[in-house]
Amino acid sequence: MENRKFVVWIALIGFVLLLPNRAFAYGADTHAYLTDEIVKFYNQHYGNNQISADLKSYIIDGSRREDDT
């Protein structure tokens, strides 16, 4: 009986390891949102050297495009 439990456990572990691995990612706009929040945080804490609105839009666009590959 113990051998049967052992074989069942080995079979289950082997089955799980052979399943295709799937990665669940976040939405496409998540990088853009996070980048926007990072720029806001930076501008709040480093007021003497702020990121301009034009540069902010380029940075956000770059964070969107880095996922296009």
N, C-alpha and C. Protein backbone atom coordinates (compact mmCIF):
# COMPACT_ATOMS: atom_id res chain seq x y z
N MET A 1 0.82 -1.19 0.00
CA MET A 1 0.00 0.00 0.00
C MET A 1 0.86 1.26 0.00
N GLU A 2 1.98 1.20 0.74
CA GLU A 2 2.86 2.36 0.77
C GLU A 2 3.49 2.60 -0.59
N ASN A 3 3.83 1.53 -1.29
CA ASN A 3 4.42 1.67 -2.62
C ASN A 3 3.45 2.33 -3.59
N ARG A 4 2.17 2.01 -3.44
CA ARG A 4 1.17 2.59 -4.33
C ARG A 4 1.06 4.10 -4.08
N LYS A 5 1.08 4.53 -2.83
CA LYS A 5 1.03 5.96 -2.51
C LYS A 5 2.25 6.67 -3.09
N PHE A 6 3.39 6.03 -2.97
CA PHE A 6 4.62 6.61 -3.49
C PHE A 6 4.54 6.78 -5.01
N VAL A 7 4.05 5.76 -5.68
CA VAL A 7 3.93 5.81 -7.14
C VAL A 7 2.93 6.89 -7.56
N VAL A 8 1.84 7.01 -6.83
CA VAL A 8 0.84 8.04 -7.14
C VAL A 8 1.45 9.43 -6.96
N TRP A 9 2.18 9.63 -5.89
CA TRP A 9 2.81 10.94 -5.66
C TRP A 9 3.83 11.26 -6.74
N ILE A 10 4.63 10.30 -7.11
CA ILE A 10 5.62 10.51 -8.17
C ILE A 10 4.92 10.82 -9.49
N ALA A 11 3.84 10.12 -9.78
CA ALA A 11 3.09 10.37 -11.01
C ALA A 11 2.49 11.78 -11.01
N LEU A 12 1.94 12.20 -9.88
CA LEU A 12 1.37 13.55 -9.78
C LEU A 12 2.44 14.62 -9.95
N ILE A 13 3.56 14.44 -9.30
CA ILE A 13 4.65 15.42 -9.41
C ILE A 13 5.16 15.47 -10.85
N GLY A 14 5.32 14.31 -11.46
CA GLY A 14 5.77 14.26 -12.85
C GLY A 14 4.77 14.93 -13.79
N PHE A 15 3.49 14.71 -13.56
CA PHE A 15 2.45 15.33 -14.38
C PHE A 15 2.49 16.85 -14.27
N VAL A 16 2.62 17.34 -13.07
CA VAL A 16 2.67 18.80 -12.85
C VAL A 16 3.90 19.40 -13.51
N LEU A 17 5.02 18.73 -13.42
CA LEU A 17 6.25 19.25 -14.02
C LEU A 17 6.21 19.23 -15.54
N LEU A 18 5.43 18.34 -16.11
CA LEU A 18 5.34 18.26 -17.57
C LEU A 18 4.29 19.18 -18.17
N LEU A 19 3.47 19.79 -17.35
CA LEU A 19 2.48 20.73 -17.87
C LEU A 19 3.18 21.95 -18.45
N PRO A 20 2.63 22.51 -19.49
CA PRO A 20 3.25 23.72 -20.04
C PRO A 20 3.14 24.87 -19.05
N ASN A 21 4.23 25.57 -18.90
CA ASN A 21 4.23 26.71 -17.98
C ASN A 21 3.61 27.91 -18.66
N ARG A 22 2.74 28.57 -17.97
CA ARG A 22 2.11 29.78 -18.49
C ARG A 22 2.45 30.93 -17.58
N ALA A 23 2.74 32.03 -18.20
CA ALA A 23 3.01 33.24 -17.43
C ALA A 23 1.84 34.19 -17.62
N PHE A 24 1.31 34.65 -16.53
CA PHE A 24 0.21 35.60 -16.60
C PHE A 24 0.80 36.99 -16.42
N ALA A 25 0.69 37.80 -17.44
CA ALA A 25 1.26 39.13 -17.41
C ALA A 25 0.16 40.16 -17.18
N TYR A 26 0.58 41.36 -16.96
CA TYR A 26 -0.36 42.44 -16.76
C TYR A 26 -0.69 43.07 -18.10
N GLY A 27 -1.63 44.02 -18.09
CA GLY A 27 -2.08 44.67 -19.31
C GLY A 27 -1.00 45.49 -19.99
N ALA A 28 -1.25 45.82 -21.24
CA ALA A 28 -0.26 46.54 -22.05
C ALA A 28 -0.03 47.96 -21.54
N ASP A 29 -1.01 48.57 -20.93
CA ASP A 29 -0.87 49.95 -20.48
C ASP A 29 -0.29 50.07 -19.08
N THR A 30 0.04 48.97 -18.47
CA THR A 30 0.57 49.02 -17.11
C THR A 30 1.90 49.74 -17.05
N HIS A 31 2.79 49.47 -18.01
CA HIS A 31 4.09 50.16 -18.02
C HIS A 31 3.91 51.66 -18.16
N ALA A 32 2.98 52.07 -19.02
CA ALA A 32 2.74 53.50 -19.21
C ALA A 32 2.23 54.14 -17.91
N TYR A 33 1.30 53.47 -17.25
CA TYR A 33 0.77 53.99 -15.99
C TYR A 33 1.85 54.08 -14.92
N LEU A 34 2.65 53.03 -14.80
CA LEU A 34 3.72 53.03 -13.80
C LEU A 34 4.74 54.13 -14.09
N THR A 35 5.07 54.31 -15.36
CA THR A 35 6.02 55.35 -15.73
C THR A 35 5.47 56.73 -15.40
N ASP A 36 4.19 56.94 -15.66
CA ASP A 36 3.55 58.22 -15.32
C ASP A 36 3.63 58.47 -13.82
N GLU A 37 3.35 57.46 -13.04
CA GLU A 37 3.42 57.61 -11.58
C GLU A 37 4.85 57.86 -11.11
N ILE A 38 5.82 57.22 -11.74
CA ILE A 38 7.22 57.42 -11.37
C ILE A 38 7.65 58.84 -11.67
N VAL A 39 7.23 59.37 -12.82
CA VAL A 39 7.59 60.75 -13.17
C VAL A 39 6.93 61.72 -12.19
N LYS A 40 5.68 61.47 -11.84
CA LYS A 40 5.01 62.33 -10.84
C LYS A 40 5.76 62.29 -9.51
N PHE A 41 6.14 61.10 -9.08
CA PHE A 41 6.88 60.94 -7.83
C PHE A 41 8.20 61.69 -7.90
N TYR A 42 8.91 61.55 -9.01
CA TYR A 42 10.20 62.23 -9.19
C TYR A 42 10.01 63.74 -9.12
N ASN A 43 9.00 64.25 -9.82
CA ASN A 43 8.77 65.70 -9.83
C ASN A 43 8.38 66.23 -8.45
N GLN A 44 7.70 65.44 -7.66
CA GLN A 44 7.33 65.86 -6.31
C GLN A 44 8.55 65.92 -5.39
N HIS A 45 9.47 65.00 -5.56
CA HIS A 45 10.59 64.90 -4.63
C HIS A 45 11.85 65.62 -5.10
N TYR A 46 11.93 65.91 -6.37
CA TYR A 46 13.10 66.62 -6.91
C TYR A 46 12.61 67.84 -7.67
N GLY A 47 12.04 68.78 -6.93
CA GLY A 47 11.42 69.96 -7.52
C GLY A 47 12.38 70.86 -8.28
N ASN A 48 13.65 70.86 -7.89
CA ASN A 48 14.60 71.74 -8.56
C ASN A 48 15.07 71.17 -9.89
N ASN A 49 14.79 69.92 -10.19
CA ASN A 49 15.23 69.30 -11.44
C ASN A 49 14.09 68.45 -12.00
N GLN A 50 12.98 69.11 -12.35
CA GLN A 50 11.78 68.39 -12.76
C GLN A 50 11.86 67.93 -14.22
N ILE A 51 11.08 66.90 -14.51
CA ILE A 51 10.95 66.39 -15.86
C ILE A 51 9.81 67.15 -16.53
N SER A 52 10.09 67.71 -17.71
CA SER A 52 9.08 68.51 -18.41
C SER A 52 7.97 67.61 -18.96
N ALA A 53 6.84 68.24 -19.31
CA ALA A 53 5.70 67.49 -19.84
C ALA A 53 6.05 66.84 -21.17
N ASP A 54 6.84 67.53 -22.01
CA ASP A 54 7.24 66.94 -23.29
C ASP A 54 8.10 65.70 -23.09
N LEU A 55 9.07 65.81 -22.20
CA LEU A 55 9.95 64.67 -21.93
C LEU A 55 9.16 63.53 -21.28
N LYS A 56 8.20 63.89 -20.44
CA LYS A 56 7.35 62.88 -19.79
C LYS A 56 6.60 62.06 -20.83
N SER A 57 6.06 62.72 -21.85
CA SER A 57 5.33 61.99 -22.89
C SER A 57 6.26 61.07 -23.67
N TYR A 58 7.50 61.51 -23.93
CA TYR A 58 8.47 60.64 -24.61
C TYR A 58 8.84 59.43 -23.75
N ILE A 59 9.00 59.65 -22.47
CA ILE A 59 9.35 58.55 -21.56
C ILE A 59 8.22 57.53 -21.50
N ILE A 60 6.98 58.02 -21.41
CA ILE A 60 5.83 57.12 -21.36
C ILE A 60 5.69 56.35 -22.66
N ASP A 61 5.91 57.04 -23.79
CA ASP A 61 5.85 56.36 -25.09
C ASP A 61 6.92 55.28 -25.18
N GLY A 62 8.10 55.57 -24.67
CA GLY A 62 9.17 54.57 -24.67
C GLY A 62 8.83 53.36 -23.81
N SER A 63 8.17 53.60 -22.69
CA SER A 63 7.81 52.46 -21.83
C SER A 63 6.73 51.61 -22.48
N ARG A 64 5.88 52.21 -23.31
CA ARG A 64 4.89 51.42 -24.06
C ARG A 64 5.58 50.60 -25.14
N ARG A 65 6.52 51.22 -25.83
CA ARG A 65 7.15 50.58 -26.98
C ARG A 65 8.16 49.50 -26.59
N GLU A 66 8.63 49.50 -25.37
CA GLU A 66 9.60 48.48 -24.99
C GLU A 66 8.99 47.09 -24.98
N ASP A 67 7.67 47.03 -24.91
CA ASP A 67 6.98 45.74 -24.91
C ASP A 67 6.61 45.27 -26.31
N ASP A 68 6.91 46.08 -27.33
CA ASP A 68 6.52 45.74 -28.71
C ASP A 68 7.39 44.67 -29.34
N THR A 69 8.48 44.31 -28.72
CA THR A 69 9.42 43.38 -29.35
C THR A 69 8.90 42.00 -29.50
